[in-house]
């Protein structure tokens, strides 16, 4: 038997949470690097490292999402 589909609002909240998570994965490491740069006076070295790390994590997450089989929304 086919599972009942979720309401459009539930589906929208699901995608909003995914987009928010990926955005935070990109932004927070760069922000943390910025704080470390100010604390250690390292120019923009840690910000660059944090931004690269954040992009790597976000891209990995996006690739995992695209490899999920159709119909499996993480439930």
PDB file of N, CA and C in Angstrom:
ATOM      1  N   UNK A   1       0.823  -1.177   0.000  1.00  0.00           N
ATOM      2  CA  UNK A   1       0.000   0.000   0.000  1.00  0.00           C
ATOM      3  C   UNK A   1       0.873   1.248   0.000  1.00  0.00           C
ATOM      4  N   UNK A   2       0.467   2.239  -0.722  1.00  0.00           N
ATOM      5  CA  UNK A   2       1.224   3.485  -0.807  1.00  0.00           C
ATOM      6  C   UNK A   2       1.029   4.313   0.462  1.00  0.00           C
ATOM      7  N   UNK A   3       2.153   4.861   0.978  1.00  0.00           N
ATOM      8  CA  UNK A   3       2.065   5.696   2.172  1.00  0.00           C
ATOM      9  C   UNK A   3       1.319   6.984   1.833  1.00  0.00           C
ATOM     10  N   UNK A   4       0.524   7.474   2.784  1.00  0.00           N
ATOM     11  CA  UNK A   4      -0.142   8.756   2.520  1.00  0.00           C
ATOM     12  C   UNK A   4       0.892   9.877   2.432  1.00  0.00           C
ATOM     13  N   UNK A   5       0.677  10.754   1.475  1.00  0.00           N
ATOM     14  CA  UNK A   5       1.635  11.848   1.303  1.00  0.00           C
ATOM     15  C   UNK A   5       1.416  12.895   2.381  1.00  0.00           C
ATOM     16  N   UNK A   6       2.470  13.665   2.629  1.00  0.00           N
ATOM     17  CA  UNK A   6       2.382  14.721   3.629  1.00  0.00           C
ATOM     18  C   UNK A   6       1.655  15.922   3.057  1.00  0.00           C
ATOM     19  N   UNK A   7       1.194  16.757   3.963  1.00  0.00           N
ATOM     20  CA  UNK A   7       0.519  17.967   3.515  1.00  0.00           C
ATOM     21  C   UNK A   7       1.539  18.907   2.867  1.00  0.00           C
ATOM     22  N   UNK A   8       1.098  19.806   2.025  1.00  0.00           N
ATOM     23  CA  UNK A   8       2.031  20.754   1.403  1.00  0.00           C
ATOM     24  C   UNK A   8       2.792  21.586   2.434  1.00  0.00           C
ATOM     25  N   UNK A   9       2.155  21.933   3.532  1.00  0.00           N
ATOM     26  CA  UNK A   9       2.838  22.707   4.574  1.00  0.00           C
ATOM     27  C   UNK A   9       3.954  21.883   5.210  1.00  0.00           C
ATOM     28  N   UNK A  10       3.692  20.609   5.462  1.00  0.00           N
ATOM     29  CA  UNK A  10       4.720  19.744   6.049  1.00  0.00           C
ATOM     30  C   UNK A  10       5.893  19.580   5.090  1.00  0.00           C
ATOM     31  N   UNK A  11       5.599  19.431   3.825  1.00  0.00           N
ATOM     32  CA  UNK A  11       6.665  19.305   2.817  1.00  0.00           C
ATOM     33  C   UNK A  11       7.483  20.593   2.734  1.00  0.00           C
ATOM     34  N   UNK A  12       6.809  21.739   2.806  1.00  0.00           N
ATOM     35  CA  UNK A  12       7.505  23.031   2.769  1.00  0.00           C
ATOM     36  C   UNK A  12       8.417  23.185   3.985  1.00  0.00           C
ATOM     37  N   UNK A  13       7.919  22.831   5.168  1.00  0.00           N
ATOM     38  CA  UNK A  13       8.747  22.913   6.377  1.00  0.00           C
ATOM     39  C   UNK A  13       9.962  21.994   6.276  1.00  0.00           C
ATOM     40  N   UNK A  14       9.764  20.846   5.678  1.00  0.00           N
ATOM     41  CA  UNK A  14      10.880  19.908   5.489  1.00  0.00           C
ATOM     42  C   UNK A  14      11.985  20.546   4.647  1.00  0.00           C
ATOM     43  N   UNK A  15      11.608  21.148   3.516  1.00  0.00           N
ATOM     44  CA  UNK A  15      12.604  21.760   2.636  1.00  0.00           C
ATOM     45  C   UNK A  15      13.215  23.016   3.233  1.00  0.00           C
ATOM     46  N   UNK A  16      12.432  23.761   4.001  1.00  0.00           N
ATOM     47  CA  UNK A  16      12.976  24.936   4.679  1.00  0.00           C
ATOM     48  C   UNK A  16      14.044  24.513   5.679  1.00  0.00           C
ATOM     49  N   UNK A  17      13.799  23.429   6.394  1.00  0.00           N
ATOM     50  CA  UNK A  17      14.795  22.955   7.362  1.00  0.00           C
ATOM     51  C   UNK A  17      16.072  22.488   6.665  1.00  0.00           C
ATOM     52  N   UNK A  18      15.945  21.858   5.513  1.00  0.00           N
ATOM     53  CA  UNK A  18      17.130  21.414   4.775  1.00  0.00           C
ATOM     54  C   UNK A  18      17.936  22.622   4.287  1.00  0.00           C
ATOM     55  N   UNK A  19      17.251  23.604   3.706  1.00  0.00           N
ATOM     56  CA  UNK A  19      17.944  24.795   3.204  1.00  0.00           C
ATOM     57  C   UNK A  19      18.612  25.554   4.345  1.00  0.00           C
ATOM     58  N   UNK A  20      17.925  25.675   5.476  1.00  0.00           N
ATOM     59  CA  UNK A  20      18.490  26.369   6.636  1.00  0.00           C
ATOM     60  C   UNK A  20      19.722  25.644   7.155  1.00  0.00           C
ATOM     61  N   UNK A  21      19.664  24.334   7.225  1.00  0.00           N
ATOM     62  CA  UNK A  21      20.802  23.543   7.700  1.00  0.00           C
ATOM     63  C   UNK A  21      22.009  23.726   6.801  1.00  0.00           C
ATOM     64  N   UNK A  22      21.810  23.658   5.499  1.00  0.00           N
ATOM     65  CA  UNK A  22      22.916  23.803   4.559  1.00  0.00           C
ATOM     66  C   UNK A  22      23.490  25.214   4.622  1.00  0.00           C
ATOM     67  N   UNK A  23      22.620  26.207   4.770  1.00  0.00           N
ATOM     68  CA  UNK A  23      23.103  27.587   4.898  1.00  0.00           C
ATOM     69  C   UNK A  23      23.966  27.750   6.135  1.00  0.00           C
ATOM     70  N   UNK A  24      23.510  27.210   7.255  1.00  0.00           N
ATOM     71  CA  UNK A  24      24.295  27.304   8.493  1.00  0.00           C
ATOM     72  C   UNK A  24      25.615  26.539   8.387  1.00  0.00           C
ATOM     73  N   UNK A  25      25.601  25.426   7.662  1.00  0.00           N
ATOM     74  CA  UNK A  25      26.847  24.680   7.459  1.00  0.00           C
ATOM     75  C   UNK A  25      27.870  25.497   6.686  1.00  0.00           C
ATOM     76  N   UNK A  26      27.410  26.392   5.829  1.00  0.00           N
ATOM     77  CA  UNK A  26      28.335  27.232   5.068  1.00  0.00           C
ATOM     78  C   UNK A  26      28.768  28.462   5.859  1.00  0.00           C
ATOM     79  N   UNK A  27      27.862  29.054   6.615  1.00  0.00           N
ATOM     80  CA  UNK A  27      28.123  30.342   7.248  1.00  0.00           C
ATOM     81  C   UNK A  27      28.850  30.218   8.590  1.00  0.00           C
ATOM     82  N   UNK A  28      28.445  29.289   9.427  1.00  0.00           N
ATOM     83  CA  UNK A  28      29.002  29.224  10.781  1.00  0.00           C
ATOM     84  C   UNK A  28      30.509  28.947  10.841  1.00  0.00           C
ATOM     85  N   UNK A  29      31.060  28.048  10.011  1.00  0.00           N
ATOM     86  CA  UNK A  29      32.520  27.876  10.062  1.00  0.00           C
ATOM     87  C   UNK A  29      33.285  29.144   9.674  1.00  0.00           C
ATOM     88  N   UNK A  30      32.785  29.880   8.698  1.00  0.00           N
ATOM     89  CA  UNK A  30      33.444  31.136   8.316  1.00  0.00           C
ATOM     90  C   UNK A  30      33.338  32.162   9.442  1.00  0.00           C
ATOM     91  N   UNK A  31      32.189  32.220  10.089  1.00  0.00           N
ATOM     92  CA  UNK A  31      32.017  33.140  11.213  1.00  0.00           C
ATOM     93  C   UNK A  31      32.941  32.752  12.371  1.00  0.00           C
ATOM     94  N   UNK A  32      33.024  31.460  12.653  1.00  0.00           N
ATOM     95  CA  UNK A  32      33.946  30.998  13.689  1.00  0.00           C
ATOM     96  C   UNK A  32      35.386  31.336  13.344  1.00  0.00           C
ATOM     97  N   UNK A  33      35.744  31.193  12.079  1.00  0.00           N
ATOM     98  CA  UNK A  33      37.078  31.573  11.640  1.00  0.00           C
ATOM     99  C   UNK A  33      37.329  33.053  11.804  1.00  0.00           C
ATOM    100  N   UNK A  34      36.301  33.856  11.572  1.00  0.00           N
ATOM    101  CA  UNK A  34      36.422  35.298  11.761  1.00  0.00           C
ATOM    102  C   UNK A  34      36.675  35.638  13.230  1.00  0.00           C
ATOM    103  N   UNK A  35      35.965  34.973  14.108  1.00  0.00           N
ATOM    104  CA  UNK A  35      36.190  35.194  15.539  1.00  0.00           C
ATOM    105  C   UNK A  35      37.607  34.786  15.951  1.00  0.00           C
ATOM    106  N   UNK A  36      38.078  33.669  15.414  1.00  0.00           N
ATOM    107  CA  UNK A  36      39.442  33.233  15.727  1.00  0.00           C
ATOM    108  C   UNK A  36      40.473  34.203  15.167  1.00  0.00           C
ATOM    109  N   UNK A  37      40.219  34.734  13.971  1.00  0.00           N
ATOM    110  CA  UNK A  37      41.127  35.731  13.389  1.00  0.00           C
ATOM    111  C   UNK A  37      41.251  36.958  14.287  1.00  0.00           C
ATOM    112  N   UNK A  38      40.125  37.418  14.815  1.00  0.00           N
ATOM    113  CA  UNK A  38      40.161  38.583  15.707  1.00  0.00           C
ATOM    114  C   UNK A  38      40.886  38.256  17.009  1.00  0.00           C
ATOM    115  N   UNK A  39      40.660  37.042  17.517  1.00  0.00           N
ATOM    116  CA  UNK A  39      41.283  36.650  18.784  1.00  0.00           C
ATOM    117  C   UNK A  39      42.792  36.460  18.637  1.00  0.00           C
ATOM    118  N   UNK A  40      43.206  35.822  17.555  1.00  0.00           N
ATOM    119  CA  UNK A  40      44.617  35.494  17.354  1.00  0.00           C
ATOM    120  C   UNK A  40      45.343  36.487  16.444  1.00  0.00           C
ATOM    121  N   UNK A  41      44.651  37.470  15.919  1.00  0.00           N
ATOM    122  CA  UNK A  41      45.230  38.462  14.994  1.00  0.00           C
ATOM    123  C   UNK A  41      45.957  37.798  13.825  1.00  0.00           C
ATOM    124  N   UNK A  42      45.237  36.953  13.115  1.00  0.00           N
ATOM    125  CA  UNK A  42      45.839  36.197  12.006  1.00  0.00           C
ATOM    126  C   UNK A  42      45.365  36.685  10.644  1.00  0.00           C
ATOM    127  N   UNK A  43      44.938  37.925  10.546  1.00  0.00           N
ATOM    128  CA  UNK A  43      44.462  38.426   9.246  1.00  0.00           C
ATOM    129  C   UNK A  43      43.142  37.778   8.885  1.00  0.00           C
ATOM    130  N   UNK A  44      43.106  37.123   7.753  1.00  0.00           N
ATOM    131  CA  UNK A  44      41.873  36.429   7.346  1.00  0.00           C
ATOM    132  C   UNK A  44      42.121  34.941   7.101  1.00  0.00           C
ATOM    133  N   UNK A  45      43.170  34.412   7.701  1.00  0.00           N
ATOM    134  CA  UNK A  45      43.533  33.010   7.482  1.00  0.00           C
ATOM    135  C   UNK A  45      42.455  32.054   7.970  1.00  0.00           C
ATOM    136  N   UNK A  46      42.030  32.222   9.211  1.00  0.00           N
ATOM    137  CA  UNK A  46      41.041  31.301   9.774  1.00  0.00           C
ATOM    138  C   UNK A  46      39.664  31.459   9.119  1.00  0.00           C
ATOM    139  N   UNK A  47      39.339  32.671   8.701  1.00  0.00           N
ATOM    140  CA  UNK A  47      38.068  32.880   7.992  1.00  0.00           C
ATOM    141  C   UNK A  47      38.083  32.107   6.677  1.00  0.00           C
ATOM    142  N   UNK A  48      39.198  32.157   5.974  1.00  0.00           N
ATOM    143  CA  UNK A  48      39.314  31.425   4.705  1.00  0.00           C
ATOM    144  C   UNK A  48      39.232  29.924   4.932  1.00  0.00           C
ATOM    145  N   UNK A  49      39.935  29.450   5.950  1.00  0.00           N
ATOM    146  CA  UNK A  49      39.896  28.014   6.261  1.00  0.00           C
ATOM    147  C   UNK A  49      38.473  27.602   6.651  1.00  0.00           C
ATOM    148  N   UNK A  50      37.811  28.413   7.486  1.00  0.00           N
ATOM    149  CA  UNK A  50      36.437  28.111   7.888  1.00  0.00           C
ATOM    150  C   UNK A  50      35.482  28.118   6.716  1.00  0.00           C
ATOM    151  N   UNK A  51      35.652  29.082   5.813  1.00  0.00           N
ATOM    152  CA  UNK A  51      34.777  29.148   4.635  1.00  0.00           C
ATOM    153  C   UNK A  51      34.973  27.922   3.748  1.00  0.00           C
ATOM    154  N   UNK A  52      36.211  27.519   3.550  1.00  0.00           N
ATOM    155  CA  UNK A  52      36.484  26.328   2.731  1.00  0.00           C
ATOM    156  C   UNK A  52      35.921  25.072   3.393  1.00  0.00           C
ATOM    157  N   UNK A  53      36.090  24.961   4.702  1.00  0.00           N
ATOM    158  CA  UNK A  53      35.556  23.814   5.429  1.00  0.00           C
ATOM    159  C   UNK A  53      34.035  23.796   5.361  1.00  0.00           C
ATOM    160  N   UNK A  54      33.419  24.953   5.536  1.00  0.00           N
ATOM    161  CA  UNK A  54      31.962  25.032   5.459  1.00  0.00           C
ATOM    162  C   UNK A  54      31.428  24.655   4.091  1.00  0.00           C
ATOM    163  N   UNK A  55      32.097  25.114   3.045  1.00  0.00           N
ATOM    164  CA  UNK A  55      31.671  24.754   1.690  1.00  0.00           C
ATOM    165  C   UNK A  55      31.809  23.252   1.451  1.00  0.00           C
ATOM    166  N   UNK A  56      32.890  22.673   1.944  1.00  0.00           N
ATOM    167  CA  UNK A  56      33.105  21.238   1.791  1.00  0.00           C
ATOM    168  C   UNK A  56      32.000  20.445   2.485  1.00  0.00           C
ATOM    169  N   UNK A  57      31.662  20.840   3.703  1.00  0.00           N
ATOM    170  CA  UNK A  57      30.606  20.151   4.445  1.00  0.00           C
ATOM    171  C   UNK A  57      29.257  20.322   3.749  1.00  0.00           C
ATOM    172  N   UNK A  58      28.954  21.534   3.286  1.00  0.00           N
ATOM    173  CA  UNK A  58      27.675  21.791   2.625  1.00  0.00           C
ATOM    174  C   UNK A  58      27.556  21.021   1.312  1.00  0.00           C
ATOM    175  N   UNK A  59      28.619  20.984   0.535  1.00  0.00           N
ATOM    176  CA  UNK A  59      28.583  20.248  -0.737  1.00  0.00           C
ATOM    177  C   UNK A  59      28.416  18.756  -0.475  1.00  0.00           C
ATOM    178  N   UNK A  60      29.105  18.240   0.541  1.00  0.00           N
ATOM    179  CA  UNK A  60      28.943  16.829   0.902  1.00  0.00           C
ATOM    180  C   UNK A  60      27.500  16.540   1.293  1.00  0.00           C
ATOM    181  N   UNK A  61      26.904  17.431   2.069  1.00  0.00           N
ATOM    182  CA  UNK A  61      25.511  17.269   2.471  1.00  0.00           C
ATOM    183  C   UNK A  61      24.585  17.308   1.248  1.00  0.00           C
ATOM    184  N   UNK A  62      24.813  18.239   0.338  1.00  0.00           N
ATOM    185  CA  UNK A  62      23.992  18.310  -0.870  1.00  0.00           C
ATOM    186  C   UNK A  62      24.117  17.045  -1.716  1.00  0.00           C
ATOM    187  N   UNK A  63      25.320  16.511  -1.813  1.00  0.00           N
ATOM    188  CA  UNK A  63      25.503  15.273  -2.576  1.00  0.00           C
ATOM    189  C   UNK A  63      24.774  14.104  -1.922  1.00  0.00           C
ATOM    190  N   UNK A  64      24.766  14.053  -0.591  1.00  0.00           N
ATOM    191  CA  UNK A  64      24.026  12.998   0.101  1.00  0.00           C
ATOM    192  C   UNK A  64      22.529  13.119  -0.162  1.00  0.00           C
ATOM    193  N   UNK A  65      22.029  14.346  -0.190  1.00  0.00           N
ATOM    194  CA  UNK A  65      20.603  14.559  -0.455  1.00  0.00           C
ATOM    195  C   UNK A  65      20.240  14.092  -1.863  1.00  0.00           C
ATOM    196  N   UNK A  66      21.091  14.400  -2.832  1.00  0.00           N
ATOM    197  CA  UNK A  66      20.761  14.039  -4.215  1.00  0.00           C
ATOM    198  C   UNK A  66      20.900  12.552  -4.472  1.00  0.00           C
ATOM    199  N   UNK A  67      21.609  11.819  -3.632  1.00  0.00           N
ATOM    200  CA  UNK A  67      21.758  10.375  -3.831  1.00  0.00           C
ATOM    201  C   UNK A  67      20.660   9.556  -3.180  1.00  0.00           C
ATOM    202  N   UNK A  68      19.784  10.204  -2.408  1.00  0.00           N
ATOM    203  CA  UNK A  68      18.684   9.469  -1.786  1.00  0.00           C
ATOM    204  C   UNK A  68      17.714   9.001  -2.866  1.00  0.00           C
ATOM    205  N   UNK A  69      17.183   7.788  -2.696  1.00  0.00           N
ATOM    206  CA  UNK A  69      16.205   7.322  -3.674  1.00  0.00           C
ATOM    207  C   UNK A  69      14.920   8.152  -3.606  1.00  0.00           C
ATOM    208  N   UNK A  70      14.211   8.263  -4.735  1.00  0.00           N
ATOM    209  CA  UNK A  70      12.981   9.046  -4.755  1.00  0.00           C
ATOM    210  C   UNK A  70      11.976   8.513  -3.726  1.00  0.00           C
ATOM    211  N   UNK A  71      11.319   9.430  -3.060  1.00  0.00           N
ATOM    212  CA  UNK A  71      10.289   9.021  -2.097  1.00  0.00           C
ATOM    213  C   UNK A  71      10.801   8.904  -0.671  1.00  0.00           C
ATOM    214  N   UNK A  72      12.123   8.830  -0.488  1.00  0.00           N
ATOM    215  CA  UNK A  72      12.642   8.744   0.878  1.00  0.00           C
ATOM    216  C   UNK A  72      13.060  10.140   1.303  1.00  0.00           C
ATOM    217  N   UNK A  73      12.304  10.712   2.199  1.00  0.00           N
ATOM    218  CA  UNK A  73      12.577  12.076   2.634  1.00  0.00           C
ATOM    219  C   UNK A  73      13.169  12.089   4.030  1.00  0.00           C
ATOM    220  N   UNK A  74      13.916  11.065   4.385  1.00  0.00           N
ATOM    221  CA  UNK A  74      14.586  11.035   5.669  1.00  0.00           C
ATOM    222  C   UNK A  74      13.695  10.559   6.802  1.00  0.00           C
ATOM    223  N   UNK A  75      12.634   9.840   6.485  1.00  0.00           N
ATOM    224  CA  UNK A  75      11.743   9.356   7.531  1.00  0.00           C
ATOM    225  C   UNK A  75      12.055   7.932   7.868  1.00  0.00           C
TER     226      UNK A  75
END
